C-alpha atoms as a PDB file:
ATOM      1  CA  MET A   1     -17.053  21.388  -2.094  1.00  0.00           C
ATOM      2  CA  ASP A   2     -19.698  18.857  -1.499  1.00  0.00           C
ATOM      3  CA  CYS A   3     -19.003  16.739   1.371  1.00  0.00           C
ATOM      4  CA  CYS A   4     -21.031  14.497   3.117  1.00  0.00           C
ATOM      5  CA  CYS A   5     -23.996  14.246   0.876  1.00  0.00           C
ATOM      6  CA  HIS A   6     -25.554  10.633   0.650  1.00  0.00           C
ATOM      7  CA  LYS A   7     -22.960   9.852   2.682  1.00  0.00           C
ATOM      8  CA  THR A   8     -20.181   9.944   0.487  1.00  0.00           C
ATOM      9  CA  LYS A   9     -16.684  11.744   0.304  1.00  0.00           C
ATOM     10  CA  GLU A  10     -14.775  13.168  -2.535  1.00  0.00           C
ATOM     11  CA  ARG A  11     -10.574  13.081  -1.295  1.00  0.00           C
ATOM     12  CA  SER A  12      -8.133  14.249  -3.119  1.00  0.00           C
ATOM     13  CA  GLU A  13      -5.636  11.556  -4.404  1.00  0.00           C
ATOM     14  CA  ASP A  14      -2.878  12.696  -1.979  1.00  0.00           C
ATOM     15  CA  GLU A  15      -5.849  12.163   0.845  1.00  0.00           C
ATOM     16  CA  ILE A  16      -6.434   8.419  -0.667  1.00  0.00           C
ATOM     17  CA  LYS A  17      -2.864   7.823  -1.173  1.00  0.00           C
ATOM     18  CA  LYS A  18      -2.017   8.920   2.902  1.00  0.00           C
ATOM     19  CA  LEU A  19      -5.210   6.434   3.823  1.00  0.00           C
ATOM     20  CA  LEU A  20      -4.231   3.753   1.705  1.00  0.00           C
ATOM     21  CA  ASN A  21      -0.817   3.620   2.853  1.00  0.00           C
ATOM     22  CA  ARG A  22      -1.190   3.552   6.782  1.00  0.00           C
ATOM     23  CA  LEU A  23      -4.245   0.844   5.486  1.00  0.00           C
ATOM     24  CA  SER A  24      -1.333  -1.357   3.939  1.00  0.00           C
ATOM     25  CA  ARG A  25       0.778  -0.934   7.076  1.00  0.00           C
ATOM     26  CA  ILE A  26      -1.825  -2.131   9.037  1.00  0.00           C
ATOM     27  CA  GLU A  27      -2.747  -5.117   6.889  1.00  0.00           C
ATOM     28  CA  GLY A  28       1.179  -6.139   6.779  1.00  0.00           C
ATOM     29  CA  GLN A  29       1.076  -5.643  10.636  1.00  0.00           C
ATOM     30  CA  ILE A  30      -1.844  -8.447  10.818  1.00  0.00           C
ATOM     31  CA  ARG A  31      -0.592 -10.597   8.774  1.00  0.00           C
ATOM     32  CA  GLY A  32       2.846 -10.764  10.549  1.00  0.00           C
ATOM     33  CA  ILE A  33       1.075 -11.345  13.611  1.00  0.00           C
ATOM     34  CA  ARG A  34      -1.020 -13.900  12.139  1.00  0.00           C
ATOM     35  CA  GLY A  35       2.289 -15.124  11.277  1.00  0.00           C
ATOM     36  CA  MET A  36       3.738 -14.894  14.542  1.00  0.00           C
ATOM     37  CA  VAL A  37       0.553 -17.121  15.994  1.00  0.00           C
ATOM     38  CA  GLU A  38       1.029 -19.680  13.501  1.00  0.00           C
ATOM     39  CA  ARG A  39       4.741 -20.068  14.172  1.00  0.00           C
ATOM     40  CA  GLY A  40       3.953 -20.129  17.820  1.00  0.00           C
ATOM     41  CA  ALA A  41       5.665 -16.611  19.297  1.00  0.00           C
ATOM     42  CA  TYR A  42       5.687 -16.181  22.688  1.00  0.00           C
ATOM     43  CA  CYS A  43       2.629 -14.145  23.960  1.00  0.00           C
ATOM     44  CA  THR A  44       4.278 -10.643  24.940  1.00  0.00           C
ATOM     45  CA  ASP A  45       5.938 -10.767  21.992  1.00  0.00           C
ATOM     46  CA  ILE A  46       2.298 -10.924  19.917  1.00  0.00           C
ATOM     47  CA  LEU A  47       1.147  -8.778  22.545  1.00  0.00           C
ATOM     48  CA  VAL A  48       3.523  -6.033  21.418  1.00  0.00           C
ATOM     49  CA  GLN A  49       2.965  -6.420  18.028  1.00  0.00           C
ATOM     50  CA  SER A  50      -1.013  -6.146  18.585  1.00  0.00           C
ATOM     51  CA  ALA A  51      -0.431  -3.070  20.716  1.00  0.00           C
ATOM     52  CA  ALA A  52       1.204  -1.629  17.617  1.00  0.00           C
ATOM     53  CA  VAL A  53      -1.555  -2.328  15.297  1.00  0.00           C
ATOM     54  CA  THR A  54      -3.983  -0.271  17.909  1.00  0.00           C
ATOM     55  CA  ALA A  55      -1.457   2.397  17.639  1.00  0.00           C
ATOM     56  CA  ALA A  56      -1.396   2.794  13.992  1.00  0.00           C
ATOM     57  CA  VAL A  57      -5.182   1.944  14.074  1.00  0.00           C
ATOM     58  CA  ASN A  58      -5.850   5.233  15.947  1.00  0.00           C
ATOM     59  CA  ALA A  59      -3.239   7.153  13.715  1.00  0.00           C
ATOM     60  CA  PHE A  60      -5.524   6.109  10.739  1.00  0.00           C
ATOM     61  CA  ASN A  61      -8.558   7.086  12.982  1.00  0.00           C
ATOM     62  CA  LYS A  62      -6.970  10.285  13.937  1.00  0.00           C
ATOM     63  CA  GLU A  63      -6.090  11.733  10.535  1.00  0.00           C
ATOM     64  CA  LEU A  64      -9.585  10.653   8.861  1.00  0.00           C
ATOM     65  CA  LEU A  65     -11.244  12.286  11.634  1.00  0.00           C
ATOM     66  CA  ALA A  66      -9.025  15.515  11.061  1.00  0.00           C
ATOM     67  CA  ASN A  67      -9.975  15.538   7.616  1.00  0.00           C
ATOM     68  CA  HIS A  68     -13.430  14.901   8.252  1.00  0.00           C
ATOM     69  CA  ILE A  69     -13.827  18.057  10.712  1.00  0.00           C
ATOM     70  CA  ARG A  70     -11.921  20.457   8.576  1.00  0.00           C
ATOM     71  CA  THR A  71     -14.309  19.779   5.313  1.00  0.00           C
ATOM     72  CA  CYS A  72     -17.586  17.758   6.103  1.00  0.00           C
ATOM     73  CA  VAL A  73     -18.256  19.291   9.397  1.00  0.00           C
ATOM     74  CA  ALA A  74     -17.200  22.749   8.925  1.00  0.00           C
ATOM     75  CA  THR A  75     -18.849  22.908   5.390  1.00  0.00           C
ATOM     76  CA  ASP A  76     -22.490  21.415   6.767  1.00  0.00           C
ATOM     77  CA  ILE A  77     -21.826  24.002   9.965  1.00  0.00           C
ATOM     78  CA  ARG A  78     -21.302  27.031   7.719  1.00  0.00           C
ATOM     79  CA  ASP A  79     -24.449  25.839   5.331  1.00  0.00           C
ATOM     80  CA  GLY A  80     -26.481  25.990   8.539  1.00  0.00           C
ATOM     81  CA  LYS A  81     -26.209  21.708   9.181  1.00  0.00           C
ATOM     82  CA  ASP A  82     -26.291  21.642  12.651  1.00  0.00           C
ATOM     83  CA  GLU A  83     -27.075  18.472  12.815  1.00  0.00           C
ATOM     84  CA  VAL A  84     -23.845  17.479  12.014  1.00  0.00           C
ATOM     85  CA  ILE A  85     -22.897  18.361  15.426  1.00  0.00           C
ATOM     86  CA  ASP A  86     -24.662  15.676  16.662  1.00  0.00           C
ATOM     87  CA  GLU A  87     -23.263  12.799  14.255  1.00  0.00           C
ATOM     88  CA  LEU A  88     -20.056  13.886  15.259  1.00  0.00           C
ATOM     89  CA  VAL A  89     -20.696  13.327  18.771  1.00  0.00           C
ATOM     90  CA  GLU A  90     -22.035  10.171  17.947  1.00  0.00           C
ATOM     91  CA  THR A  91     -18.715   9.336  16.236  1.00  0.00           C
ATOM     92  CA  LEU A  92     -16.170  10.648  18.974  1.00  0.00           C
ATOM     93  CA  GLN A  93     -18.215   8.458  21.529  1.00  0.00           C
ATOM     94  CA  LYS A  94     -17.900   5.197  19.569  1.00  0.00           C
ATOM     95  CA  LEU A  95     -13.950   5.887  18.628  1.00  0.00           C
ATOM     96  CA  MET A  96     -13.713   6.101  22.357  1.00  0.00           C
ATOM     97  CA  LYS A  97     -15.433   3.367  23.689  1.00  0.00           C
END
């Protein structure tokens, strides 16, 4: 499997479907929050929905990161491309801001 060459990745149909489903749910949540703002919803109600979006984005990131480690990172390490470790550390630092 040729993973992260040229900064692209081939994903299985199942992986694509799962990721796109998560993103569709997140888009729906964002549209819902927008509607709440437009309707003048109470602040805490909007904040609760915003927290749900944050949790959904975090779940998306966890799934994508786990797949990345299992495929791209593992393959690159097996191929002796240790620089992928620095890339992974940098990515994790960005996610933890």
